[in-house]
């Protein structure tokens, strides 16, 4: 699955400008997370049309990049523990994660192909 990371100034109006761009492209947000520093914020989101949205943002001078993430359905703490132990045993570092809905974890990991292969092998439910 693809994720957009958008770099925003930490000031009023930035999110509104971005949402207007999404609306004009009929883009639906599936999941999103915002983190900040004193001057900048990073908005990470999964949308229904990531490539089209990326091109639209770039053409409108919105500073962003597109990356691959893995989305895993996790139903309880034991399963999450199993996931992290699997990654650790295979020397895979989780760069960050966030959730959407009740039980889906969006994970940015350093070697996504290896992670996805392991998750399938261990019968995790991935999207």
C-alpha atoms as a PDB file:
ATOM      1  CA  UNK A   1       0.000   0.000   0.000  1.00  0.00           C
ATOM      2  CA  UNK A   2       1.198   3.532  -0.684  1.00  0.00           C
ATOM      3  CA  UNK A   3       1.327   6.416   1.749  1.00  0.00           C
ATOM      4  CA  UNK A   4       1.756  10.136   1.173  1.00  0.00           C
ATOM      5  CA  UNK A   5       3.947  12.154   3.518  1.00  0.00           C
ATOM      6  CA  UNK A   6       3.305  15.872   3.281  1.00  0.00           C
ATOM      7  CA  UNK A   7       5.513  18.500   4.877  1.00  0.00           C
ATOM      8  CA  UNK A   8       3.512  21.463   6.154  1.00  0.00           C
ATOM      9  CA  UNK A   9       4.360  24.712   7.857  1.00  0.00           C
ATOM     10  CA  UNK A  10       3.044  24.716  11.399  1.00  0.00           C
ATOM     11  CA  UNK A  11       0.611  27.593  10.817  1.00  0.00           C
ATOM     12  CA  UNK A  12      -3.117  28.216  10.366  1.00  0.00           C
ATOM     13  CA  UNK A  13      -4.520  27.417   6.928  1.00  0.00           C
ATOM     14  CA  UNK A  14      -2.077  24.699   5.887  1.00  0.00           C
ATOM     15  CA  UNK A  15      -4.460  21.809   6.541  1.00  0.00           C
ATOM     16  CA  UNK A  16      -7.348  23.654   4.918  1.00  0.00           C
ATOM     17  CA  UNK A  17      -5.274  24.247   1.758  1.00  0.00           C
ATOM     18  CA  UNK A  18      -4.391  20.566   1.630  1.00  0.00           C
ATOM     19  CA  UNK A  19      -7.977  19.401   2.195  1.00  0.00           C
ATOM     20  CA  UNK A  20      -9.182  21.702  -0.591  1.00  0.00           C
ATOM     21  CA  UNK A  21      -6.716  20.015  -2.942  1.00  0.00           C
ATOM     22  CA  UNK A  22      -7.983  16.573  -1.910  1.00  0.00           C
ATOM     23  CA  UNK A  23     -11.593  17.610  -2.448  1.00  0.00           C
ATOM     24  CA  UNK A  24     -10.853  19.050  -5.887  1.00  0.00           C
ATOM     25  CA  UNK A  25      -9.415  15.655  -6.904  1.00  0.00           C
ATOM     26  CA  UNK A  26     -12.267  13.639  -5.354  1.00  0.00           C
ATOM     27  CA  UNK A  27      -9.723  11.893  -3.141  1.00  0.00           C
ATOM     28  CA  UNK A  28     -10.881   9.980  -0.080  1.00  0.00           C
ATOM     29  CA  UNK A  29      -8.714   9.720   3.027  1.00  0.00           C
ATOM     30  CA  UNK A  30      -8.460   6.214   4.417  1.00  0.00           C
ATOM     31  CA  UNK A  31      -6.132   7.020   7.316  1.00  0.00           C
ATOM     32  CA  UNK A  32      -3.996   9.908   8.490  1.00  0.00           C
ATOM     33  CA  UNK A  33      -1.578  10.951  11.180  1.00  0.00           C
ATOM     34  CA  UNK A  34       0.013  14.310  11.980  1.00  0.00           C
ATOM     35  CA  UNK A  35       3.214  14.890  13.907  1.00  0.00           C
ATOM     36  CA  UNK A  36       4.868  18.224  14.520  1.00  0.00           C
ATOM     37  CA  UNK A  37       7.972  20.119  15.427  1.00  0.00           C
ATOM     38  CA  UNK A  38       8.067  23.791  16.369  1.00  0.00           C
ATOM     39  CA  UNK A  39       8.081  24.980  12.765  1.00  0.00           C
ATOM     40  CA  UNK A  40       6.872  22.085  10.601  1.00  0.00           C
ATOM     41  CA  UNK A  41       4.437  19.232  10.604  1.00  0.00           C
ATOM     42  CA  UNK A  42       4.372  15.932   8.777  1.00  0.00           C
ATOM     43  CA  UNK A  43       1.000  14.699   7.631  1.00  0.00           C
ATOM     44  CA  UNK A  44       1.026  11.042   6.658  1.00  0.00           C
ATOM     45  CA  UNK A  45      -1.983   9.641   4.902  1.00  0.00           C
ATOM     46  CA  UNK A  46      -3.283   6.695   2.979  1.00  0.00           C
ATOM     47  CA  UNK A  47      -5.743   7.728   0.269  1.00  0.00           C
ATOM     48  CA  UNK A  48      -7.779   5.917  -2.357  1.00  0.00           C
ATOM     49  CA  UNK A  49      -5.805   7.410  -5.295  1.00  0.00           C
ATOM     50  CA  UNK A  50      -2.214   7.820  -4.071  1.00  0.00           C
ATOM     51  CA  UNK A  51      -0.467   8.259  -7.431  1.00  0.00           C
ATOM     52  CA  UNK A  52      -2.969  10.795  -8.765  1.00  0.00           C
ATOM     53  CA  UNK A  53      -2.934  12.677  -5.454  1.00  0.00           C
ATOM     54  CA  UNK A  54       0.869  12.740  -5.389  1.00  0.00           C
ATOM     55  CA  UNK A  55       1.028  14.186  -8.915  1.00  0.00           C
ATOM     56  CA  UNK A  56      -1.593  16.789  -8.009  1.00  0.00           C
ATOM     57  CA  UNK A  57       0.306  17.832  -4.885  1.00  0.00           C
ATOM     58  CA  UNK A  58       3.613  18.109  -6.739  1.00  0.00           C
ATOM     59  CA  UNK A  59       2.040  20.187  -9.523  1.00  0.00           C
ATOM     60  CA  UNK A  60       0.610  22.527  -6.855  1.00  0.00           C
ATOM     61  CA  UNK A  61       3.954  22.945  -5.041  1.00  0.00           C
ATOM     62  CA  UNK A  62       2.939  20.836  -2.050  1.00  0.00           C
ATOM     63  CA  UNK A  63       6.096  19.297  -0.586  1.00  0.00           C
ATOM     64  CA  UNK A  64       5.431  15.560  -0.341  1.00  0.00           C
ATOM     65  CA  UNK A  65       6.685  12.098  -1.151  1.00  0.00           C
ATOM     66  CA  UNK A  66       5.151   8.706  -1.775  1.00  0.00           C
ATOM     67  CA  UNK A  67       6.325   5.574   0.010  1.00  0.00           C
ATOM     68  CA  UNK A  68       5.260   1.991   0.569  1.00  0.00           C
ATOM     69  CA  UNK A  69       3.840   0.840   3.881  1.00  0.00           C
ATOM     70  CA  UNK A  70       2.397  -2.424   5.093  1.00  0.00           C
ATOM     71  CA  UNK A  71      -1.077  -2.544   6.648  1.00  0.00           C
ATOM     72  CA  UNK A  72      -1.696  -5.344   9.131  1.00  0.00           C
ATOM     73  CA  UNK A  73      -4.866  -6.288  10.944  1.00  0.00           C
ATOM     74  CA  UNK A  74      -4.085  -6.811  14.633  1.00  0.00           C
ATOM     75  CA  UNK A  75      -6.887  -7.814  16.990  1.00  0.00           C
ATOM     76  CA  UNK A  76      -5.197  -7.891  20.394  1.00  0.00           C
ATOM     77  CA  UNK A  77      -2.008  -7.197  22.351  1.00  0.00           C
ATOM     78  CA  UNK A  78      -0.727 -10.778  21.989  1.00  0.00           C
ATOM     79  CA  UNK A  79      -0.893 -10.536  18.218  1.00  0.00           C
ATOM     80  CA  UNK A  80       0.876  -7.179  18.300  1.00  0.00           C
ATOM     81  CA  UNK A  81       3.556  -8.697  20.514  1.00  0.00           C
ATOM     82  CA  UNK A  82       3.936 -11.563  18.027  1.00  0.00           C
ATOM     83  CA  UNK A  83       4.315  -9.034  15.201  1.00  0.00           C
ATOM     84  CA  UNK A  84       7.042  -7.056  16.968  1.00  0.00           C
ATOM     85  CA  UNK A  85       8.889 -10.226  17.990  1.00  0.00           C
ATOM     86  CA  UNK A  86       8.767 -11.432  14.376  1.00  0.00           C
ATOM     87  CA  UNK A  87      10.237  -8.164  13.151  1.00  0.00           C
ATOM     88  CA  UNK A  88      12.878  -8.147  15.871  1.00  0.00           C
ATOM     89  CA  UNK A  89      13.942 -11.761  15.218  1.00  0.00           C
ATOM     90  CA  UNK A  90      14.381 -10.876  11.561  1.00  0.00           C
ATOM     91  CA  UNK A  91      16.197  -7.598  12.249  1.00  0.00           C
ATOM     92  CA  UNK A  92      13.456  -5.429  10.767  1.00  0.00           C
ATOM     93  CA  UNK A  93      13.150  -1.965  12.231  1.00  0.00           C
ATOM     94  CA  UNK A  94       9.758  -0.264  12.471  1.00  0.00           C
ATOM     95  CA  UNK A  95      10.358   3.365  11.517  1.00  0.00           C
ATOM     96  CA  UNK A  96       6.885   4.449  12.635  1.00  0.00           C
ATOM     97  CA  UNK A  97       3.312   3.238  12.745  1.00  0.00           C
ATOM     98  CA  UNK A  98      -0.184   4.563  13.180  1.00  0.00           C
ATOM     99  CA  UNK A  99      -3.614   3.022  13.214  1.00  0.00           C
ATOM    100  CA  UNK A 100      -6.918   3.350  11.501  1.00  0.00           C
ATOM    101  CA  UNK A 101     -10.278   1.902  12.381  1.00  0.00           C
ATOM    102  CA  UNK A 102     -10.088  -0.358  15.402  1.00  0.00           C
ATOM    103  CA  UNK A 103      -7.458  -2.842  14.438  1.00  0.00           C
ATOM    104  CA  UNK A 104      -5.396  -1.872  11.371  1.00  0.00           C
ATOM    105  CA  UNK A 105      -1.781  -0.845  11.823  1.00  0.00           C
ATOM    106  CA  UNK A 106      -0.059   1.108   9.071  1.00  0.00           C
ATOM    107  CA  UNK A 107       3.636   0.376   9.403  1.00  0.00           C
ATOM    108  CA  UNK A 108       6.635   1.999   7.736  1.00  0.00           C
ATOM    109  CA  UNK A 109       9.424  -0.523   7.878  1.00  0.00           C
ATOM    110  CA  UNK A 110      12.904  -0.521   6.394  1.00  0.00           C
ATOM    111  CA  UNK A 111      12.545  -3.643   4.198  1.00  0.00           C
ATOM    112  CA  UNK A 112       8.924  -3.844   3.182  1.00  0.00           C
ATOM    113  CA  UNK A 113       9.289  -6.844   0.853  1.00  0.00           C
ATOM    114  CA  UNK A 114      10.917  -8.955   3.553  1.00  0.00           C
ATOM    115  CA  UNK A 115       8.316  -7.814   6.101  1.00  0.00           C
ATOM    116  CA  UNK A 116       5.408  -8.681   3.812  1.00  0.00           C
ATOM    117  CA  UNK A 117       6.877 -12.123   3.049  1.00  0.00           C
ATOM    118  CA  UNK A 118       7.275 -12.853   6.759  1.00  0.00           C
ATOM    119  CA  UNK A 119       3.770 -11.644   7.566  1.00  0.00           C
ATOM    120  CA  UNK A 120       2.234 -13.867   4.900  1.00  0.00           C
ATOM    121  CA  UNK A 121       4.339 -16.837   6.034  1.00  0.00           C
ATOM    122  CA  UNK A 122       3.174 -16.295   9.632  1.00  0.00           C
ATOM    123  CA  UNK A 123      -0.480 -15.932   8.534  1.00  0.00           C
ATOM    124  CA  UNK A 124      -0.929 -12.292   9.488  1.00  0.00           C
ATOM    125  CA  UNK A 125      -3.843 -10.561   7.806  1.00  0.00           C
ATOM    126  CA  UNK A 126      -2.333  -7.877   5.557  1.00  0.00           C
ATOM    127  CA  UNK A 127      -4.040  -5.585   3.074  1.00  0.00           C
END
